[in-house]
């Protein structure tokens, strides 16, 4: 596995519980919130896996932080 340090950036984020394939279900809410704030997308969506699969008994116990980088719209 590789790693990198990302530059500081404003993000809209949500914590999503459950299996990894279900994480994108939070995207419509992130985009809606960003739009209400007058922000626009400013980079690729990020997924941060907060609970590793090796530490759970069920996929329902996984937790992912979904981040949408944003900037002030014009």
Protein backbone atom coordinates (compact mmCIF):
# COMPACT_ATOMS: atom_id res chain seq x y z
CA UNK A 1 0.00 0.00 0.00
CA UNK A 2 1.10 3.54 -0.70
CA UNK A 3 0.41 6.73 1.15
CA UNK A 4 0.67 10.43 0.55
CA UNK A 5 -0.06 13.64 2.40
CA UNK A 6 -2.75 15.70 0.69
CA UNK A 7 -2.65 19.49 0.79
CA UNK A 8 -5.02 21.22 3.18
CA UNK A 9 -8.38 21.80 1.54
CA UNK A 10 -11.96 22.59 2.51
CA UNK A 11 -14.19 19.52 2.23
CA UNK A 12 -17.82 18.64 2.81
CA UNK A 13 -17.89 15.25 4.51
CA UNK A 14 -20.16 12.54 5.83
CA UNK A 15 -19.60 9.44 7.93
CA UNK A 16 -21.16 6.40 6.28
CA UNK A 17 -21.74 3.14 8.13
CA UNK A 18 -22.01 -0.14 6.28
CA UNK A 19 -20.43 -2.07 3.42
CA UNK A 20 -18.06 -0.16 1.11
CA UNK A 21 -20.27 -0.54 -2.01
CA UNK A 22 -22.97 1.49 -0.21
CA UNK A 23 -20.71 4.48 0.55
CA UNK A 24 -21.74 6.46 -2.59
CA UNK A 25 -25.30 6.73 -1.24
CA UNK A 26 -24.09 9.78 0.73
CA UNK A 27 -22.96 11.70 -2.38
CA UNK A 28 -26.32 13.34 -3.25
CA UNK A 29 -26.50 14.81 0.24
CA UNK A 30 -22.93 16.13 0.06
CA UNK A 31 -23.56 17.78 -3.32
CA UNK A 32 -26.85 19.28 -2.10
CA UNK A 33 -25.21 20.74 1.01
CA UNK A 34 -22.32 22.16 -1.02
CA UNK A 35 -24.79 23.79 -3.43
CA UNK A 36 -26.73 25.39 -0.54
CA UNK A 37 -23.48 26.86 0.74
CA UNK A 38 -22.56 28.24 -2.70
CA UNK A 39 -19.63 25.85 -3.06
CA UNK A 40 -18.56 23.84 -6.11
CA UNK A 41 -16.59 20.61 -6.40
CA UNK A 42 -12.83 21.19 -6.41
CA UNK A 43 -11.23 17.78 -6.78
CA UNK A 44 -11.96 14.08 -6.68
CA UNK A 45 -14.13 12.52 -3.99
CA UNK A 46 -12.08 10.92 -1.21
CA UNK A 47 -12.90 7.87 0.87
CA UNK A 48 -11.21 7.41 4.24
CA UNK A 49 -11.75 3.96 5.75
CA UNK A 50 -11.99 4.55 9.51
CA UNK A 51 -12.72 0.98 10.60
CA UNK A 52 -10.66 -1.74 8.87
CA UNK A 53 -12.46 -4.90 7.74
CA UNK A 54 -10.08 -6.99 9.85
CA UNK A 55 -11.56 -5.44 13.01
CA UNK A 56 -15.25 -6.18 12.44
CA UNK A 57 -17.45 -9.25 12.62
CA UNK A 58 -19.93 -7.92 10.05
CA UNK A 59 -19.63 -5.56 7.05
CA UNK A 60 -22.37 -3.46 8.68
CA UNK A 61 -19.81 -2.35 11.28
CA UNK A 62 -17.55 -0.62 8.75
CA UNK A 63 -17.32 3.19 8.85
CA UNK A 64 -16.08 5.36 5.98
CA UNK A 65 -15.57 9.12 5.85
CA UNK A 66 -16.63 10.41 2.44
CA UNK A 67 -15.10 13.77 1.52
CA UNK A 68 -16.00 16.15 -1.31
CA UNK A 69 -13.33 18.86 -1.84
CA UNK A 70 -15.02 22.22 -2.43
CA UNK A 71 -14.30 25.88 -3.13
CA UNK A 72 -16.45 29.01 -3.25
CA UNK A 73 -18.39 29.14 -6.50
CA UNK A 74 -18.31 32.15 -8.81
